[in-house]
Amino acid sequence: MKAMTRSQLARYAGVSQATFKRWMEQIRPEILKVCPDQKQRGLLKPAVVRLIVERFGIDISVPAKKR
């Protein structure tokens, strides 16, 4: 797993950035358990990307569609 931005993950999931932000708010406590120093901005660390991908069933093996 590699570090990714929220907008990259939103594209992979096929949702808007606003929807993705709501998803992130739902699992914020879990994110902080996995990576306590994760900031609100910037790249998501690989451990956080793994959590999000597994939690929401996002397939990152297929190239993301540009909107």
N, C-alpha and C. Protein backbone atom coordinates (compact mmCIF):
# COMPACT_ATOMS: atom_id res chain seq x y z
N MET A 1 0.86 -1.17 0.00
CA MET A 1 0.00 0.00 0.00
C MET A 1 0.90 1.23 0.00
N LYS A 2 0.48 2.26 -0.73
CA LYS A 2 1.27 3.49 -0.78
C LYS A 2 0.44 4.66 -0.27
N ALA A 3 1.11 5.74 0.06
CA ALA A 3 0.43 6.95 0.51
C ALA A 3 -0.38 7.53 -0.65
N MET A 4 -1.55 8.07 -0.34
CA MET A 4 -2.43 8.65 -1.36
C MET A 4 -3.12 9.87 -0.79
N THR A 5 -3.64 10.70 -1.68
CA THR A 5 -4.43 11.85 -1.25
C THR A 5 -5.89 11.44 -1.13
N ARG A 6 -6.65 12.26 -0.46
CA ARG A 6 -8.08 12.00 -0.32
C ARG A 6 -8.77 12.05 -1.68
N SER A 7 -8.35 12.98 -2.53
CA SER A 7 -8.99 13.10 -3.84
C SER A 7 -8.70 11.87 -4.71
N GLN A 8 -7.50 11.30 -4.59
CA GLN A 8 -7.19 10.07 -5.33
C GLN A 8 -8.11 8.94 -4.87
N LEU A 9 -8.25 8.78 -3.57
CA LEU A 9 -9.10 7.71 -3.05
C LEU A 9 -10.56 7.94 -3.42
N ALA A 10 -11.00 9.18 -3.42
CA ALA A 10 -12.38 9.48 -3.82
C ALA A 10 -12.60 9.07 -5.27
N ARG A 11 -11.63 9.33 -6.15
CA ARG A 11 -11.75 8.92 -7.56
C ARG A 11 -11.81 7.40 -7.67
N TYR A 12 -10.95 6.70 -6.94
CA TYR A 12 -10.99 5.23 -6.96
C TYR A 12 -12.35 4.72 -6.49
N ALA A 13 -12.92 5.38 -5.48
CA ALA A 13 -14.21 4.95 -4.95
C ALA A 13 -15.37 5.36 -5.84
N GLY A 14 -15.13 6.31 -6.74
CA GLY A 14 -16.18 6.77 -7.63
C GLY A 14 -17.19 7.69 -6.96
N VAL A 15 -16.73 8.43 -5.95
CA VAL A 15 -17.60 9.35 -5.23
C VAL A 15 -17.00 10.75 -5.25
N SER A 16 -17.83 11.73 -4.89
CA SER A 16 -17.35 13.11 -4.82
C SER A 16 -16.44 13.27 -3.60
N GLN A 17 -15.69 14.36 -3.61
CA GLN A 17 -14.83 14.63 -2.46
C GLN A 17 -15.65 14.92 -1.21
N ALA A 18 -16.82 15.53 -1.38
CA ALA A 18 -17.69 15.80 -0.23
C ALA A 18 -18.18 14.50 0.41
N THR A 19 -18.58 13.54 -0.42
CA THR A 19 -19.01 12.24 0.09
C THR A 19 -17.85 11.54 0.79
N PHE A 20 -16.68 11.58 0.17
CA PHE A 20 -15.51 10.93 0.77
C PHE A 20 -15.18 11.57 2.12
N LYS A 21 -15.33 12.88 2.21
CA LYS A 21 -15.07 13.57 3.47
C LYS A 21 -16.02 13.07 4.56
N ARG A 22 -17.30 12.86 4.21
CA ARG A 22 -18.26 12.32 5.18
C ARG A 22 -17.85 10.91 5.63
N TRP A 23 -17.39 10.10 4.67
CA TRP A 23 -16.91 8.76 5.02
C TRP A 23 -15.77 8.86 6.03
N MET A 24 -14.85 9.78 5.76
CA MET A 24 -13.68 9.94 6.64
C MET A 24 -14.10 10.36 8.05
N GLU A 25 -15.09 11.23 8.14
CA GLU A 25 -15.57 11.68 9.45
C GLU A 25 -16.14 10.53 10.25
N GLN A 26 -16.79 9.57 9.56
CA GLN A 26 -17.38 8.42 10.24
C GLN A 26 -16.33 7.54 10.90
N ILE A 27 -15.16 7.44 10.29
CA ILE A 27 -14.14 6.52 10.82
C ILE A 27 -12.95 7.25 11.43
N ARG A 28 -13.09 8.53 11.71
CA ARG A 28 -11.99 9.33 12.26
C ARG A 28 -11.37 8.69 13.51
N PRO A 29 -12.17 8.19 14.47
CA PRO A 29 -11.57 7.56 15.65
C PRO A 29 -10.68 6.35 15.28
N GLU A 30 -11.12 5.56 14.31
CA GLU A 30 -10.33 4.41 13.88
C GLU A 30 -9.03 4.86 13.22
N ILE A 31 -9.11 5.93 12.43
CA ILE A 31 -7.92 6.46 11.77
C ILE A 31 -6.90 6.90 12.81
N LEU A 32 -7.37 7.57 13.84
CA LEU A 32 -6.46 8.05 14.89
C LEU A 32 -5.86 6.90 15.70
N LYS A 33 -6.57 5.79 15.82
CA LYS A 33 -6.01 4.62 16.50
C LYS A 33 -4.88 4.02 15.68
N VAL A 34 -5.08 3.94 14.36
CA VAL A 34 -4.08 3.36 13.46
C VAL A 34 -2.88 4.28 13.33
N CYS A 35 -3.14 5.56 13.24
CA CYS A 35 -2.08 6.53 13.00
C CYS A 35 -2.39 7.83 13.76
N PRO A 36 -2.00 7.91 15.02
CA PRO A 36 -2.36 9.06 15.85
C PRO A 36 -1.88 10.41 15.32
N ASP A 37 -0.81 10.42 14.54
CA ASP A 37 -0.27 11.70 14.05
C ASP A 37 -0.77 12.07 12.65
N GLN A 38 -1.81 11.38 12.16
CA GLN A 38 -2.36 11.70 10.83
C GLN A 38 -3.03 13.07 10.87
N LYS A 39 -2.62 13.92 9.96
CA LYS A 39 -3.17 15.28 9.88
C LYS A 39 -4.41 15.29 9.01
N GLN A 40 -5.18 16.37 9.08
CA GLN A 40 -6.38 16.52 8.27
C GLN A 40 -6.03 16.75 6.81
N ARG A 41 -4.86 17.31 6.54
CA ARG A 41 -4.47 17.66 5.17
C ARG A 41 -3.28 16.82 4.72
N GLY A 42 -3.01 16.87 3.43
CA GLY A 42 -1.85 16.19 2.89
C GLY A 42 -2.10 14.74 2.56
N LEU A 43 -1.02 14.02 2.39
CA LEU A 43 -1.11 12.61 2.03
C LEU A 43 -1.59 11.77 3.20
N LEU A 44 -2.40 10.78 2.87
CA LEU A 44 -2.80 9.79 3.86
C LEU A 44 -1.71 8.73 3.92
N LYS A 45 -1.30 8.39 5.11
CA LYS A 45 -0.24 7.40 5.28
C LYS A 45 -0.74 6.02 4.84
N PRO A 46 0.19 5.14 4.44
CA PRO A 46 -0.21 3.81 3.94
C PRO A 46 -1.12 3.03 4.89
N ALA A 47 -0.89 3.12 6.18
CA ALA A 47 -1.74 2.40 7.14
C ALA A 47 -3.17 2.92 7.11
N VAL A 48 -3.32 4.23 6.92
CA VAL A 48 -4.64 4.84 6.86
C VAL A 48 -5.33 4.47 5.54
N VAL A 49 -4.56 4.48 4.45
CA VAL A 49 -5.10 4.08 3.14
C VAL A 49 -5.61 2.65 3.23
N ARG A 50 -4.85 1.76 3.84
CA ARG A 50 -5.27 0.36 3.98
C ARG A 50 -6.58 0.26 4.75
N LEU A 51 -6.70 1.01 5.85
CA LEU A 51 -7.92 1.00 6.65
C LEU A 51 -9.12 1.45 5.82
N ILE A 52 -8.97 2.54 5.09
CA ILE A 52 -10.07 3.08 4.29
C ILE A 52 -10.46 2.12 3.18
N VAL A 53 -9.47 1.57 2.48
CA VAL A 53 -9.73 0.64 1.37
C VAL A 53 -10.48 -0.59 1.87
N GLU A 54 -10.03 -1.14 3.00
CA GLU A 54 -10.67 -2.33 3.54
C GLU A 54 -12.07 -2.01 4.09
N ARG A 55 -12.20 -0.89 4.76
CA ARG A 55 -13.48 -0.53 5.39
C ARG A 55 -14.57 -0.27 4.36
N PHE A 56 -14.21 0.42 3.26
CA PHE A 56 -15.22 0.81 2.28
C PHE A 56 -15.18 -0.01 1.00
N GLY A 57 -14.33 -1.02 0.95
CA GLY A 57 -14.28 -1.91 -0.21
C GLY A 57 -13.86 -1.23 -1.49
N ILE A 58 -12.88 -0.35 -1.41
CA ILE A 58 -12.41 0.39 -2.58
C ILE A 58 -11.34 -0.45 -3.28
N ASP A 59 -11.50 -0.62 -4.59
CA ASP A 59 -10.54 -1.38 -5.39
C ASP A 59 -9.53 -0.41 -6.00
N ILE A 60 -8.30 -0.43 -5.49
CA ILE A 60 -7.28 0.49 -6.02
C ILE A 60 -6.38 -0.19 -7.04
N SER A 61 -6.69 -1.42 -7.40
CA SER A 61 -5.88 -2.12 -8.41
C SER A 61 -6.28 -1.70 -9.82
N VAL A 62 -7.48 -1.15 -9.97
CA VAL A 62 -7.97 -0.68 -11.27
C VAL A 62 -7.74 0.82 -11.34
N PRO A 63 -7.20 1.33 -12.44
CA PRO A 63 -6.96 2.77 -12.53
C PRO A 63 -8.23 3.59 -12.28
N ALA A 64 -8.08 4.67 -11.53
CA ALA A 64 -9.22 5.53 -11.20
C ALA A 64 -9.66 6.32 -12.44
N LYS A 65 -10.95 6.52 -12.53
CA LYS A 65 -11.49 7.31 -13.64
C LYS A 65 -11.40 8.78 -13.28
N LYS A 66 -10.98 9.59 -14.21
CA LYS A 66 -10.94 11.03 -13.98
C LYS A 66 -12.32 11.60 -14.19
N ARG A 67 -12.69 12.56 -13.38
CA ARG A 67 -14.01 13.18 -13.47
C ARG A 67 -13.93 14.44 -14.25
